[in-house]
Amino acid sequence: MTAPQTAAVMASDQGPGRPLLELRDICKSFPGVKALDHVSLTLWPGEVHMLLGENGAGKSSLMKVLCGAHPRDSGEILSAGQPVDLRSVADARRLGVAVIFQEFSLVPCLSIAHNILFGREPRGRLPGSIDNAQLYATARRVLERIGFDIDPRTPVHRLGIAQQQMVEIAKALSQDARILVMDEPTAALSDRESEQLFAIMRQLKQRGVAIVYISHRMAEVFELGDRVTVLRDGKNVATMPVSAVSADELVRLMVGRLVDQSYTRHVSTTPGAPILEVENLSSSNGIHDINLVVHAGEIVGLCGLVGSGRTEVARAVFGVDPVTAGSIRIAGKRKPGDPQSSSRMGVAFIPESRKTEGLSLIHSVKDNLLVAALEKLFPSRLINAAAANRVVDDLVERLRIATPSVAQRVSRLSGGNQQKIVIGKWIATGARLFIFDEPTRGIDIGAKSEIFALLHELVVAGAAVLMISSEQSEIVNVCDRAYVMKDGGIAGELKRTELSEEAIVRLGIHHV
């Protein structure tokens, strides 16, 4: 698409009447960064507007302006054709804007119901009290709308990532929003849960709700989207009907270059010695009789439906959750059941939730890259600053971490660069086994390619990789073979010649 064509598409009208909301020439800067540079977005009733761009393109910043979390520096916001000033989240909520951010905003110690209706709880008879019966009844109705069968009295801290995401969705829907923003809402959902969400979205469209949908999954763009806006480096690149563009063109617009989306790698035909051997493993977290092996030089997938026990296997192997039966061997040696021993034996765990479990967001790139390897690099406990700097600089260059400085706070980096830092801190330890739990969750297409290339480099160098992913295409295209889980156990193993999305579903659902 040429520049004049793009401009014409961006200026075109959606149809008769007025849009629900218009953002015109929005600018927003943070110290050292211009996050939004004259960005415009128009939202129409009954439309799913896809918002695409690499991490750091400005999507989240634009949504935070829309929901009142960040004041704009300049530009104009119009509601039903009238200028409005969004100075707070409450202002946006009064306009009917609800946002489901990728980073959850739940209170772990409160129940599902209290989180759904937080700040809007029904009043009880006594001043300052809550009518709990009405609270739970209202929450249950909202949960039923999205097909989430769970007791609304359940504390949020007992829920998994996918269940927490469903609570976030219920919380947004409970506000009867006219404009609903969804930031990667299916990143932690199973296929079945995603289909339930899509059905809800179609109902909302029919009711005239405008939906802004941020996603890195191209299949969702073409299944759900009416129009699509692409951001790059804080600027509008294009806005057009989804029907008028191809996936390859969207990727080119996002990254400014051609990107291989297949992620296919040449698999290992001659793996080395076993690095991880798990025999009859059971844990208090619900997994049972787990048997698997991962050799040097291969990437082995661990897949199945959300809730099947994939993450629980990773946590038990690394020592986060206690083992109740069975054994774990690393390069032939029996492994004690604690994370410190795992690290000393060369095991790395890159968790699903990198922000809460993999990184210290308030610390620098340098501190995060060094933290896991301090004992190995400086056994005398005296840190050599020059040696530490060499290690950090080497990792930043090798992993192509985009940061203005190694002193930069990790919280200010994109999701893809944060993921590289989690991987880098374990590379610094000299790990031989890397356990990846959803390595591409919440990162853009360009960063995905780099992450998979990095996994390939690790195994070529002799490491072993166990990779958990909810995206079956990733398992099929990246892994040498895979184990499929169901109900806390291994349903079967698929060798390279057997590995397909259909075979994964068949084992994960039917267990045949």
Protein backbone atom coordinates (compact mmCIF):
# COMPACT_ATOMS: atom_id res chain seq x y z
CA MET A 1 0.00 0.00 0.00
CA THR A 2 1.48 3.35 -1.03
CA ALA A 3 1.61 6.38 1.26
CA PRO A 4 -1.21 8.24 -0.59
CA GLN A 5 -3.40 5.14 -0.46
CA THR A 6 -2.76 4.78 3.26
CA ALA A 7 -3.68 8.40 3.90
CA ALA A 8 -6.88 7.99 1.92
CA VAL A 9 -7.87 4.94 3.90
CA MET A 10 -7.16 6.70 7.17
CA ALA A 11 -9.33 9.63 6.18
CA SER A 12 -12.28 7.53 5.03
CA ASP A 13 -15.56 7.52 6.96
CA GLN A 14 -16.96 4.38 8.53
CA GLY A 15 -20.56 5.26 7.67
CA PRO A 16 -23.41 7.65 8.46
CA GLY A 17 -23.87 9.11 11.93
CA ARG A 18 -21.26 9.98 14.52
CA PRO A 19 -18.49 7.84 15.97
CA LEU A 20 -18.67 7.03 19.67
CA LEU A 21 -15.20 8.43 20.30
CA GLU A 22 -12.45 10.16 18.34
CA LEU A 23 -8.84 10.65 19.33
CA ARG A 24 -7.21 13.28 17.11
CA ASP A 25 -3.48 13.99 16.87
CA ILE A 26 -2.73 12.66 20.35
CA CYS A 27 0.81 13.29 21.59
CA LYS A 28 2.32 11.89 24.77
CA SER A 29 5.93 11.96 25.98
CA PHE A 30 7.76 10.40 28.89
CA PRO A 31 11.31 11.24 30.00
CA GLY A 32 13.48 10.51 26.98
CA VAL A 33 10.69 8.88 24.96
CA LYS A 34 7.97 10.24 22.67
CA ALA A 35 5.39 7.48 23.11
CA LEU A 36 2.68 8.98 20.88
CA ASP A 37 3.34 11.31 17.96
CA HIS A 38 0.09 12.77 16.52
CA VAL A 39 -1.84 9.49 16.73
CA SER A 40 -5.52 9.39 15.71
CA LEU A 41 -8.14 6.70 16.26
CA THR A 42 -11.88 6.70 15.49
CA LEU A 43 -14.27 4.25 17.16
CA TRP A 44 -17.70 3.46 15.71
CA PRO A 45 -20.64 1.65 17.33
CA GLY A 46 -20.76 -2.07 16.68
CA GLU A 47 -17.20 -2.25 15.37
CA VAL A 48 -14.20 -4.34 16.39
CA HIS A 49 -11.20 -2.13 15.72
CA MET A 50 -7.94 -4.09 15.78
CA LEU A 51 -4.91 -2.18 17.06
CA LEU A 52 -1.58 -3.64 15.95
CA GLY A 53 2.06 -2.80 16.43
CA GLU A 54 5.23 -4.16 17.91
CA ASN A 55 5.88 -3.84 21.63
CA GLY A 56 6.85 -0.23 22.20
CA ALA A 57 4.84 1.00 19.19
CA GLY A 58 2.53 3.06 21.42
CA LYS A 59 -0.53 0.83 21.74
CA SER A 60 -0.59 0.70 25.54
CA SER A 61 0.19 4.40 25.85
CA LEU A 62 -2.73 5.24 23.55
CA MET A 63 -5.08 3.03 25.56
CA LYS A 64 -3.96 4.63 28.82
CA VAL A 65 -4.82 8.04 27.37
CA LEU A 66 -8.18 6.65 26.27
CA CYS A 67 -8.98 5.29 29.74
CA GLY A 68 -7.82 8.43 31.55
CA ALA A 69 -4.79 6.82 33.21
CA HIS A 70 -2.36 9.14 31.37
CA PRO A 71 -3.21 12.75 30.44
CA ARG A 72 -2.40 13.62 26.83
CA ASP A 73 0.20 16.32 26.16
CA SER A 74 -1.72 17.62 23.14
CA GLY A 75 -4.44 16.60 20.73
CA GLU A 76 -8.19 16.35 21.01
CA ILE A 77 -10.71 13.76 22.27
CA LEU A 78 -14.33 13.91 21.12
CA SER A 79 -17.28 11.94 22.46
CA ALA A 80 -20.33 11.91 20.14
CA GLY A 81 -18.77 14.88 18.35
CA GLN A 82 -18.19 16.98 21.51
CA PRO A 83 -14.74 17.71 22.97
CA VAL A 84 -14.07 16.01 26.32
CA ASP A 85 -11.18 16.10 28.76
CA LEU A 86 -10.20 12.76 30.24
CA ARG A 87 -8.25 13.54 33.39
CA SER A 88 -8.94 10.33 35.30
CA VAL A 89 -10.12 6.75 34.99
CA ALA A 90 -13.41 7.90 36.53
CA ASP A 91 -13.88 10.41 33.68
CA ALA A 92 -13.40 7.64 31.12
CA ARG A 93 -15.71 5.29 32.99
CA ARG A 94 -18.47 7.93 32.91
CA LEU A 95 -18.07 7.98 29.11
CA GLY A 96 -18.55 4.20 29.08
CA VAL A 97 -14.90 3.22 28.54
CA ALA A 98 -13.73 -0.05 30.11
CA VAL A 99 -10.25 -1.50 29.65
CA ILE A 100 -8.90 -5.01 30.12
CA PHE A 101 -5.14 -4.49 30.38
CA GLN A 102 -2.64 -7.26 29.73
CA GLU A 103 -1.29 -6.70 33.24
CA PHE A 104 -4.06 -7.65 35.63
CA SER A 105 -5.57 -5.11 38.03
CA LEU A 106 -7.09 -7.58 40.48
CA VAL A 107 -6.82 -7.59 44.28
CA PRO A 108 -5.55 -11.09 45.16
CA CYS A 109 -6.90 -11.20 48.72
CA LEU A 110 -10.47 -10.35 47.65
CA SER A 111 -13.07 -12.68 46.19
CA ILE A 112 -13.96 -12.87 42.50
CA ALA A 113 -17.22 -11.04 43.22
CA HIS A 114 -15.54 -8.22 45.13
CA ASN A 115 -13.06 -7.78 42.26
CA ILE A 116 -15.77 -7.71 39.60
CA LEU A 117 -17.77 -5.03 41.41
CA PHE A 118 -14.86 -3.26 43.09
CA GLY A 119 -15.92 0.28 44.01
CA ARG A 120 -19.49 -0.44 42.88
CA GLU A 121 -20.54 -2.92 45.57
CA PRO A 122 -24.28 -2.95 46.45
CA ARG A 123 -24.91 -1.20 49.75
CA GLY A 124 -26.20 -3.06 52.77
CA ARG A 125 -28.75 -1.86 55.26
CA LEU A 126 -26.17 -0.43 57.64
CA PRO A 127 -24.07 2.60 56.61
CA GLY A 128 -20.78 1.49 55.05
CA SER A 129 -21.83 -2.15 54.75
CA ILE A 130 -22.11 -4.35 51.63
CA ASP A 131 -25.07 -6.48 50.63
CA ASN A 132 -23.06 -9.67 50.08
CA ALA A 133 -26.03 -11.71 48.87
CA GLN A 134 -26.71 -9.22 46.08
CA LEU A 135 -22.97 -8.88 45.41
CA TYR A 136 -22.52 -12.61 44.81
CA ALA A 137 -25.74 -12.91 42.81
CA THR A 138 -24.74 -10.05 40.50
CA ALA A 139 -21.24 -11.43 40.03
CA ARG A 140 -22.62 -14.89 39.28
CA ARG A 141 -24.83 -13.47 36.51
CA VAL A 142 -21.87 -11.71 34.94
CA LEU A 143 -19.75 -14.88 35.13
CA GLU A 144 -22.55 -16.90 33.52
CA ARG A 145 -22.56 -14.44 30.59
CA ILE A 146 -19.01 -15.48 29.73
CA GLY A 147 -19.52 -19.17 30.54
CA PHE A 148 -17.16 -19.11 33.54
CA ASP A 149 -18.51 -21.70 35.97
CA ILE A 150 -16.87 -20.84 39.30
CA ASP A 151 -17.95 -19.83 42.78
CA PRO A 152 -17.78 -16.00 42.91
CA ARG A 153 -16.74 -16.25 46.58
CA THR A 154 -13.40 -17.81 45.54
CA PRO A 155 -10.38 -15.63 46.44
CA VAL A 156 -8.51 -14.42 43.36
CA HIS A 157 -5.13 -15.58 44.68
CA ARG A 158 -6.31 -19.17 44.23
CA LEU A 159 -6.87 -18.70 40.48
CA GLY A 160 -4.52 -19.48 37.62
CA ILE A 161 -3.54 -16.96 34.96
CA ALA A 162 -6.33 -17.99 32.57
CA GLN A 163 -8.97 -17.81 35.31
CA GLN A 164 -7.75 -14.38 36.39
CA GLN A 165 -8.08 -13.22 32.79
CA MET A 166 -11.72 -14.37 32.77
CA VAL A 167 -12.33 -12.36 35.95
CA GLU A 168 -10.83 -9.28 34.27
CA ILE A 169 -13.19 -9.77 31.33
CA ALA A 170 -16.18 -10.17 33.67
CA LYS A 171 -15.13 -7.04 35.56
CA ALA A 172 -15.10 -4.98 32.36
CA LEU A 173 -18.40 -6.39 31.09
CA SER A 174 -20.08 -5.65 34.42
CA GLN A 175 -19.67 -1.92 33.73
CA ASP A 176 -22.00 -2.04 30.68
CA ALA A 177 -19.31 -0.34 28.66
CA ARG A 178 -20.03 1.49 25.37
CA ILE A 179 -16.34 1.23 24.46
CA LEU A 180 -14.42 -1.90 25.51
CA VAL A 181 -10.65 -2.11 25.16
CA MET A 182 -9.07 -5.59 25.21
CA ASP A 183 -5.28 -5.86 25.41
CA GLU A 184 -4.24 -9.41 24.42
CA PRO A 185 -7.29 -10.94 26.15
CA THR A 186 -6.70 -14.47 24.82
CA ALA A 187 -2.99 -14.65 25.66
CA ALA A 188 -3.69 -16.93 28.65
CA LEU A 189 -6.93 -18.55 27.46
CA SER A 190 -7.52 -22.00 26.00
CA ASP A 191 -9.13 -22.39 22.59
CA ARG A 192 -12.47 -23.14 24.24
CA GLU A 193 -12.25 -20.09 26.52
CA SER A 194 -11.23 -17.93 23.56
CA GLU A 195 -14.26 -19.06 21.57
CA GLN A 196 -16.48 -18.13 24.52
CA LEU A 197 -14.90 -14.68 24.55
CA PHE A 198 -15.41 -14.27 20.78
CA ALA A 199 -19.08 -15.18 21.17
CA ILE A 200 -19.45 -12.51 23.86
CA MET A 201 -17.76 -9.96 21.59
CA ARG A 202 -20.23 -10.70 18.80
CA GLN A 203 -23.11 -10.13 21.22
CA LEU A 204 -21.59 -6.81 22.29
CA LYS A 205 -21.20 -5.75 18.66
CA GLN A 206 -24.89 -6.38 18.06
CA ARG A 207 -25.65 -4.12 21.03
CA GLY A 208 -23.60 -1.30 19.47
CA VAL A 209 -20.52 -1.57 21.68
CA ALA A 210 -17.26 -0.42 20.09
CA ILE A 211 -14.37 -2.79 20.81
CA VAL A 212 -10.69 -1.94 20.55
CA TYR A 213 -8.79 -5.22 20.33
CA ILE A 214 -5.00 -5.40 20.71
CA SER A 215 -3.53 -8.69 19.54
CA HIS A 216 -0.36 -10.25 18.14
CA ARG A 217 -2.30 -13.17 16.68
CA MET A 218 -3.06 -12.69 13.01
CA ALA A 219 -5.82 -15.30 13.01
CA GLU A 220 -7.76 -13.17 15.51
CA VAL A 221 -7.34 -10.05 13.38
CA PHE A 222 -9.07 -11.66 10.41
CA GLU A 223 -11.65 -13.59 12.43
CA LEU A 224 -12.81 -10.68 14.58
CA GLY A 225 -11.75 -7.38 13.09
CA ASP A 226 -13.76 -4.89 11.05
CA ARG A 227 -11.02 -2.27 10.74
CA VAL A 228 -7.37 -2.26 11.72
CA THR A 229 -4.97 0.50 12.77
CA VAL A 230 -1.23 -0.10 12.75
CA LEU A 231 1.16 1.89 14.96
CA ARG A 232 4.94 1.98 14.61
CA ASP A 233 7.34 4.03 16.72
CA GLY A 234 4.46 5.98 18.26
CA LYS A 235 2.95 7.02 14.92
CA ASN A 236 -0.02 6.03 12.77
CA VAL A 237 1.12 3.88 9.87
CA ALA A 238 -2.25 2.90 8.42
CA THR A 239 -5.97 2.45 9.13
CA MET A 240 -8.02 0.28 6.77
CA PRO A 241 -10.73 -2.36 6.58
CA VAL A 242 -9.42 -5.78 7.58
CA SER A 243 -10.84 -7.16 4.33
CA ALA A 244 -8.53 -4.87 2.34
CA VAL A 245 -5.21 -6.15 3.67
CA SER A 246 -3.22 -9.39 3.95
CA ALA A 247 -1.37 -10.78 6.95
CA ASP A 248 2.00 -10.26 5.24
CA GLU A 249 1.15 -6.61 4.53
CA LEU A 250 0.13 -6.03 8.15
CA VAL A 251 3.39 -7.53 9.40
CA ARG A 252 5.38 -5.34 7.00
CA LEU A 253 3.50 -2.27 8.21
CA MET A 254 4.12 -3.19 11.84
CA VAL A 255 7.85 -3.85 11.68
CA GLY A 256 8.87 -1.96 8.56
CA ARG A 257 10.41 -5.10 7.07
CA LEU A 258 9.49 -8.58 5.93
CA VAL A 259 9.24 -11.10 8.78
CA ASP A 260 9.06 -14.88 8.55
CA GLN A 261 5.92 -15.79 10.49
CA SER A 262 6.26 -19.57 10.18
CA TYR A 263 8.95 -19.95 12.87
CA THR A 264 9.82 -23.32 11.31
CA ARG A 265 13.25 -24.64 12.27
CA HIS A 266 15.34 -27.59 11.20
CA VAL A 267 14.75 -30.13 13.94
CA SER A 268 17.43 -32.25 15.55
CA THR A 269 17.92 -35.69 14.04
CA THR A 270 20.69 -36.76 16.41
CA PRO A 271 19.98 -35.47 19.93
CA GLY A 272 22.65 -35.88 22.57
CA ALA A 273 22.62 -37.41 26.03
CA PRO A 274 19.61 -36.99 28.33
CA ILE A 275 19.73 -33.73 30.27
CA LEU A 276 16.34 -34.00 32.00
CA GLU A 277 14.84 -37.33 33.08
CA VAL A 278 11.54 -37.30 34.97
CA GLU A 279 10.22 -40.60 36.32
CA ASN A 280 6.79 -41.19 37.88
CA LEU A 281 6.72 -37.61 39.15
CA SER A 282 3.81 -36.45 41.30
CA SER A 283 3.42 -33.17 43.16
CA SER A 284 1.10 -31.52 45.65
CA ASN A 285 0.09 -29.14 42.82
CA GLY A 286 -1.99 -31.89 41.18
CA ILE A 287 0.25 -33.54 38.59
CA HIS A 288 0.75 -37.31 38.76
CA ASP A 289 2.88 -40.06 37.19
CA ILE A 290 4.80 -37.73 34.89
CA ASN A 291 7.43 -39.43 32.73
CA LEU A 292 9.44 -37.45 30.21
CA VAL A 293 12.96 -36.97 28.93
CA VAL A 294 14.71 -34.07 27.21
CA HIS A 295 18.05 -34.58 25.45
CA ALA A 296 20.82 -32.13 24.71
CA GLY A 297 20.30 -30.44 21.38
CA GLU A 298 16.52 -30.69 21.18
CA ILE A 299 13.45 -28.59 21.91
CA VAL A 300 10.68 -30.67 23.45
CA GLY A 301 7.16 -29.28 23.67
CA LEU A 302 4.80 -29.64 26.62
CA CYS A 303 1.26 -28.85 25.51
CA GLY A 304 -2.41 -29.44 26.23
CA LEU A 305 -5.36 -27.37 27.35
CA VAL A 306 -4.97 -24.57 29.88
CA GLY A 307 -5.33 -26.23 33.28
CA SER A 308 -3.99 -29.59 32.09
CA GLY A 309 -0.94 -29.32 34.36
CA ARG A 310 1.75 -27.98 32.04
CA THR A 311 2.94 -25.14 34.27
CA GLU A 312 2.67 -27.41 37.32
CA VAL A 313 5.18 -29.81 35.74
CA ALA A 314 7.61 -26.95 35.16
CA ARG A 315 7.23 -25.72 38.74
CA ALA A 316 7.74 -29.19 40.19
CA VAL A 317 10.81 -29.87 38.03
CA PHE A 318 12.41 -26.56 39.02
CA GLY A 319 11.53 -27.08 42.70
CA VAL A 320 8.97 -24.32 43.20
CA ASP A 321 6.28 -26.85 44.17
CA PRO A 322 7.08 -29.88 46.35
CA VAL A 323 7.46 -33.33 44.80
CA THR A 324 5.46 -36.06 46.55
CA ALA A 325 6.64 -39.04 44.48
CA GLY A 326 9.04 -39.93 41.69
CA SER A 327 12.45 -38.59 40.74
CA ILE A 328 14.13 -35.89 38.65
CA ARG A 329 17.61 -36.32 37.19
CA ILE A 330 19.75 -33.63 35.60
CA ALA A 331 22.52 -35.05 33.39
CA GLY A 332 22.21 -38.33 35.27
CA LYS A 333 22.35 -36.85 38.77
CA ARG A 334 19.33 -36.88 41.08
CA LYS A 335 18.10 -33.34 41.72
CA PRO A 336 17.05 -32.10 45.18
CA GLY A 337 13.66 -30.42 45.35
CA ASP A 338 14.42 -26.71 45.64
CA PRO A 339 15.07 -23.89 43.15
CA GLN A 340 18.55 -23.12 44.49
CA SER A 341 19.71 -26.68 43.79
CA SER A 342 18.11 -26.52 40.36
CA SER A 343 20.04 -23.37 39.51
CA ARG A 344 23.32 -24.85 40.74
CA MET A 345 22.73 -27.95 38.59
CA GLY A 346 22.21 -25.85 35.47
CA VAL A 347 18.42 -25.63 35.29
CA ALA A 348 16.80 -22.36 34.12
CA PHE A 349 13.11 -21.55 34.50
CA ILE A 350 11.58 -18.76 32.39
CA PRO A 351 8.09 -18.43 33.92
CA GLU A 352 4.82 -17.53 32.23
CA SER A 353 4.46 -14.31 34.22
CA ARG A 354 7.82 -12.65 33.60
CA LYS A 355 6.84 -9.38 35.30
CA THR A 356 5.91 -10.95 38.64
CA GLU A 357 8.13 -14.04 38.72
CA GLY A 358 11.00 -13.49 36.28
CA LEU A 359 12.11 -9.89 36.77
CA SER A 360 12.60 -7.17 39.34
CA LEU A 361 10.89 -4.35 37.47
CA ILE A 362 12.21 -1.55 39.67
CA HIS A 363 15.83 -2.58 39.05
CA SER A 364 18.07 -2.03 36.05
CA VAL A 365 18.81 -4.15 33.02
CA LYS A 366 22.26 -4.79 34.46
CA ASP A 367 21.00 -5.91 37.88
CA ASN A 368 18.44 -8.28 36.34
CA LEU A 369 20.98 -9.85 33.99
CA LEU A 370 23.45 -10.51 36.81
CA VAL A 371 21.22 -11.57 39.69
CA ALA A 372 20.99 -15.30 38.95
CA ALA A 373 24.69 -15.69 38.12
CA LEU A 374 26.35 -13.80 40.98
CA GLU A 375 27.29 -16.98 42.86
CA LYS A 376 28.80 -18.55 39.73
CA LEU A 377 30.55 -15.41 38.47
CA PHE A 378 31.89 -14.23 41.83
CA PRO A 379 32.20 -17.23 44.20
CA SER A 380 34.34 -15.14 46.57
CA ARG A 381 31.34 -12.77 46.94
CA LEU A 382 33.54 -9.87 45.85
CA ILE A 383 32.06 -8.38 42.68
CA ASN A 384 34.53 -7.31 40.00
CA ALA A 385 32.82 -4.34 38.37
CA ALA A 386 34.77 -4.61 35.11
CA ALA A 387 34.00 -8.33 34.76
CA ALA A 388 30.33 -7.73 35.57
CA ASN A 389 30.12 -5.02 32.91
CA ARG A 390 31.70 -7.33 30.32
CA VAL A 391 29.12 -10.04 31.03
CA VAL A 392 26.22 -7.60 30.80
CA ASP A 393 27.48 -5.89 27.63
CA ASP A 394 28.02 -9.27 25.98
CA LEU A 395 24.48 -10.40 26.80
CA VAL A 396 22.92 -7.14 25.59
CA GLU A 397 24.77 -7.47 22.28
CA ARG A 398 24.20 -11.22 21.87
CA LEU A 399 20.47 -11.05 22.64
CA ARG A 400 19.97 -7.74 20.82
CA ILE A 401 18.30 -6.17 23.85
CA ALA A 402 17.01 -2.73 22.84
CA THR A 403 17.74 -0.42 25.76
CA PRO A 404 19.19 3.11 25.93
CA SER A 405 21.44 1.98 28.78
CA VAL A 406 22.09 -1.03 30.99
CA ALA A 407 21.10 1.31 33.85
CA GLN A 408 17.57 1.59 32.41
CA ARG A 409 14.77 0.25 34.61
CA VAL A 410 13.43 -3.00 33.19
CA SER A 411 9.84 -1.77 33.67
CA ARG A 412 10.41 0.77 30.88
CA LEU A 413 11.30 -1.85 28.24
CA SER A 414 8.98 -3.65 25.84
CA GLY A 415 7.69 -7.15 26.56
CA GLY A 416 10.02 -8.73 24.03
CA ASN A 417 13.11 -7.09 25.54
CA GLN A 418 11.97 -8.03 29.04
CA GLN A 419 11.70 -11.65 27.92
CA LYS A 420 15.22 -11.52 26.49
CA ILE A 421 16.49 -10.28 29.86
CA VAL A 422 14.86 -13.20 31.70
CA ILE A 423 16.55 -15.58 29.26
CA GLY A 424 19.83 -13.68 29.48
CA LYS A 425 20.07 -13.91 33.25
CA TRP A 426 19.96 -17.70 32.95
CA ILE A 427 22.44 -17.82 30.06
CA ALA A 428 24.83 -16.01 32.39
CA THR A 429 24.60 -18.96 34.80
CA GLY A 430 25.72 -21.42 32.15
CA ALA A 431 22.44 -23.33 32.32
CA ARG A 432 22.12 -26.62 30.40
CA LEU A 433 18.35 -27.07 30.67
CA PHE A 434 15.97 -24.22 29.86
CA ILE A 435 12.31 -24.55 30.82
CA PHE A 436 10.20 -21.98 28.95
CA ASP A 437 6.60 -21.43 30.07
CA GLU A 438 4.77 -19.53 27.30
CA PRO A 439 7.95 -17.85 25.94
CA THR A 440 6.06 -15.65 23.45
CA ARG A 441 3.11 -14.59 25.60
CA GLY A 442 2.40 -10.88 25.07
CA ILE A 443 5.26 -10.16 22.68
CA ASP A 444 5.07 -8.98 19.10
CA ILE A 445 5.70 -10.85 15.88
CA GLY A 446 9.22 -9.52 15.33
CA ALA A 447 10.25 -10.38 18.89
CA LYS A 448 8.74 -13.88 18.53
CA SER A 449 11.06 -14.59 15.62
CA GLU A 450 14.04 -13.48 17.70
CA ILE A 451 12.98 -15.57 20.71
CA PHE A 452 12.63 -18.72 18.59
CA ALA A 453 15.97 -18.05 16.92
CA LEU A 454 17.48 -17.76 20.38
CA LEU A 455 15.97 -21.10 21.47
CA HIS A 456 17.50 -22.68 18.38
CA GLU A 457 20.90 -21.16 19.20
CA LEU A 458 20.70 -22.63 22.72
CA VAL A 459 20.10 -26.18 21.53
CA VAL A 460 22.68 -25.93 18.75
CA ALA A 461 25.17 -25.02 21.50
CA GLY A 462 24.22 -28.23 23.36
CA ALA A 463 21.54 -27.09 25.79
CA ALA A 464 18.15 -28.79 26.19
CA VAL A 465 14.85 -26.92 26.04
CA LEU A 466 11.44 -27.87 27.44
CA MET A 467 8.89 -25.44 25.95
CA ILE A 468 5.31 -24.94 27.16
CA SER A 469 2.99 -23.15 24.75
CA SER A 470 -0.76 -22.69 24.34
CA GLU A 471 -0.25 -21.98 20.64
CA GLN A 472 -0.22 -25.36 18.95
CA SER A 473 1.34 -23.93 15.79
CA GLU A 474 4.41 -22.97 17.84
CA ILE A 475 4.74 -26.51 19.20
CA VAL A 476 4.37 -28.00 15.71
CA ASN A 477 6.80 -25.64 13.96
CA VAL A 478 9.47 -25.26 16.64
CA CYS A 479 9.69 -28.51 18.61
CA ASP A 480 11.52 -31.76 17.81
CA ARG A 481 8.75 -33.70 19.58
CA ALA A 482 6.12 -33.04 22.23
CA TYR A 483 4.31 -34.45 25.25
CA VAL A 484 0.59 -33.73 25.50
CA MET A 485 -1.00 -33.33 28.94
CA LYS A 486 -4.54 -33.92 30.14
CA ASP A 487 -5.97 -33.75 33.68
CA GLY A 488 -2.56 -33.54 35.37
CA GLY A 489 -0.97 -36.44 33.52
CA ILE A 490 0.81 -37.20 30.26
CA ALA A 491 -1.76 -38.25 27.66
CA GLY A 492 0.87 -39.23 25.11
CA GLU A 493 4.06 -38.37 23.26
CA LEU A 494 4.17 -37.18 19.64
CA LYS A 495 7.36 -37.76 17.67
CA ARG A 496 8.37 -35.30 14.97
CA THR A 497 6.66 -37.29 12.21
CA GLU A 498 3.43 -37.45 14.28
CA LEU A 499 3.41 -33.84 15.45
CA SER A 500 0.43 -31.85 14.17
CA GLU A 501 -2.19 -29.53 15.64
CA GLU A 502 -4.84 -32.19 15.02
CA ALA A 503 -2.83 -34.81 16.89
CA ILE A 504 -2.30 -32.46 19.84
CA VAL A 505 -6.02 -31.72 20.09
CA ARG A 506 -6.93 -35.40 19.76
CA LEU A 507 -4.65 -36.38 22.64
CA GLY A 508 -5.39 -33.34 24.78
CA ILE A 509 -9.15 -33.67 24.57
CA HIS A 510 -9.97 -37.29 23.78
CA HIS A 511 -6.89 -39.03 25.21
CA VAL A 512 -6.79 -41.77 22.57
